[in-house]
Protein backbone atom coordinates (compact mmCIF):
# COMPACT_ATOMS: atom_id res chain seq x y z
CA MET A 1 16.05 -22.82 -17.01
CA ARG A 2 19.39 -19.93 -16.30
CA PRO A 3 20.08 -18.25 -13.13
CA VAL A 4 19.23 -15.44 -12.31
CA LYS A 5 21.02 -12.47 -9.95
CA LEU A 6 19.00 -12.33 -6.66
CA SER A 7 19.73 -9.45 -3.52
CA GLY A 8 17.21 -7.70 -1.00
CA CYS A 9 15.23 -11.15 -0.27
CA LEU A 10 14.79 -14.23 0.95
CA HIS A 11 14.36 -15.61 -2.59
CA LEU A 12 12.98 -15.48 -5.72
CA LYS A 13 9.09 -15.24 -5.98
CA SER A 14 9.83 -12.36 -3.47
CA ALA A 15 11.14 -10.50 -6.09
CA VAL A 16 9.30 -11.69 -9.49
CA THR A 17 6.30 -13.44 -10.24
CA ARG A 18 3.89 -14.37 -13.50
CA VAL A 19 0.73 -12.46 -13.11
CA ALA A 20 -0.44 -13.80 -16.85
CA GLU A 21 0.99 -15.68 -19.98
CA ASP A 22 3.27 -13.09 -21.04
CA VAL A 23 3.61 -10.42 -17.93
CA VAL A 24 5.64 -10.89 -14.37
CA LEU A 25 5.40 -8.60 -11.92
CA LEU A 26 8.75 -7.64 -10.47
CA ASN A 27 11.06 -5.21 -8.29
CA SER A 28 13.94 -4.67 -9.89
CA ALA A 29 16.06 -3.70 -6.81
CA TRP A 30 16.07 -6.95 -6.25
CA VAL A 31 16.10 -9.09 -9.26
CA ASP A 32 17.89 -8.69 -12.69
CA SER A 33 15.31 -7.24 -14.52
CA PRO A 34 16.97 -7.76 -17.91
CA SER A 35 17.12 -11.92 -17.24
CA PHE A 36 13.04 -11.34 -17.76
CA GLY A 37 13.33 -10.07 -21.36
CA GLY A 38 10.89 -11.20 -23.95
CA VAL A 39 7.86 -10.69 -21.95
CA ASN A 40 5.95 -7.79 -20.42
CA GLN A 41 7.07 -6.48 -16.69
CA ILE A 42 4.86 -4.62 -13.84
CA GLU A 43 7.32 -2.82 -11.84
CA VAL A 44 5.72 -2.88 -8.14
CA HIS A 45 5.70 0.25 -6.14
CA PRO A 46 8.77 1.96 -5.06
CA GLY A 47 7.07 2.46 -1.35
CA GLU A 48 5.67 -1.67 -1.97
CA PRO A 49 9.24 -3.52 -2.16
CA PHE A 50 7.74 -6.81 -1.25
CA ALA A 51 4.63 -6.46 -3.62
CA ALA A 52 6.30 -9.04 -6.34
CA ASN A 53 4.63 -11.73 -5.02
CA ALA A 54 1.45 -12.78 -6.14
CA LEU A 55 -0.75 -16.28 -7.42
CA TRP A 56 -0.92 -16.35 -10.82
CA ILE A 57 -4.32 -18.85 -11.61
CA GLY A 58 -5.65 -18.90 -14.89
CA GLU A 59 -7.28 -15.54 -15.65
CA ASN A 60 -7.11 -14.43 -12.07
CA VAL A 61 -4.26 -13.17 -9.85
CA ILE A 62 -4.26 -13.64 -6.02
CA TYR A 63 -3.00 -10.64 -4.58
CA PRO A 64 -2.53 -9.19 -1.01
CA ALA A 65 -4.73 -6.54 0.06
CA ALA A 66 -2.17 -4.94 1.43
CA TYR A 67 -0.31 -3.49 -1.36
CA ASP A 68 -2.79 -1.17 -3.14
CA GLU A 69 -0.46 0.95 -5.58
CA THR A 70 1.34 -2.24 -7.24
CA ARG A 71 -2.54 -3.50 -7.15
CA GLN A 72 -3.53 -0.43 -9.39
CA ARG A 73 -0.65 -1.41 -11.80
CA LEU A 74 -1.88 -4.60 -11.88
CA GLU A 75 -5.38 -3.60 -12.93
CA GLN A 76 -4.35 -0.86 -15.12
CA ASN A 77 -2.27 -3.54 -17.29
CA GLY A 78 -5.86 -5.80 -17.50
CA ILE A 79 -4.66 -8.27 -14.64
CA ASN A 80 -7.99 -9.44 -13.08
CA VAL A 81 -6.94 -8.78 -9.01
CA HIS A 82 -8.69 -10.95 -5.88
CA LEU A 83 -7.33 -9.59 -2.55
CA VAL A 84 -6.41 -11.40 0.19
CA GLU A 85 -5.42 -10.31 3.63
CA ILE A 86 -2.22 -12.15 4.83
CA ASP A 87 -0.66 -9.38 7.23
CA GLU A 88 0.59 -11.70 9.60
CA LEU A 89 2.28 -13.76 7.13
CA GLN A 90 3.91 -10.86 5.42
CA LYS A 91 5.69 -10.55 8.71
CA ALA A 92 8.10 -13.16 7.89
CA GLU A 93 8.42 -12.52 4.15
CA GLY A 94 5.56 -15.21 3.90
CA ALA A 95 3.50 -14.58 0.91
CA VAL A 96 0.70 -16.01 -1.32
CA THR A 97 3.08 -18.35 -3.29
CA CYS A 98 4.33 -19.64 -0.52
CA CYS A 99 0.80 -20.47 1.00
CA SER A 100 -0.63 -22.27 -1.48
CA ILE A 101 -0.58 -25.79 -3.10
CA LEU A 102 -2.19 -26.30 -6.85
CA ILE A 103 -3.54 -29.53 -7.83
CA ALA A 104 -5.26 -29.99 -10.65
CA THR A 105 -7.57 -32.94 -12.02
CA ASP A 106 -6.79 -31.55 -15.36
CA PRO A 107 -3.09 -31.07 -15.62
CA ALA A 108 -3.88 -29.27 -19.24
CA ARG A 109 -5.10 -25.94 -17.16
CA LEU A 110 -2.37 -25.02 -15.28
CA PRO A 111 -0.36 -22.37 -16.57
CA ASN A 112 3.11 -23.29 -18.10
């Protein structure tokens, strides 16, 4: 682990989340993107600054329906996106990661 400089948002997952084995979705205005060197990076659409919060589960990403431009970027990069409506949660910077808990019956199947 290492520290990552963060600004403009409440917490790290508002600025960057992992969306595949070697891919992160990020808002480089809020997080230092060179800190995530070594993995592919998909930048959120500039008009959707809160769009970096996604939940990767296996081969799928649970993603807010409100961010159509960034969703298109994910899909263009081969990410399998499943949309959810979370408009009310987004008013308080809530998102899919903070509203989820993963329970594994087989821990080997969870992403690292």
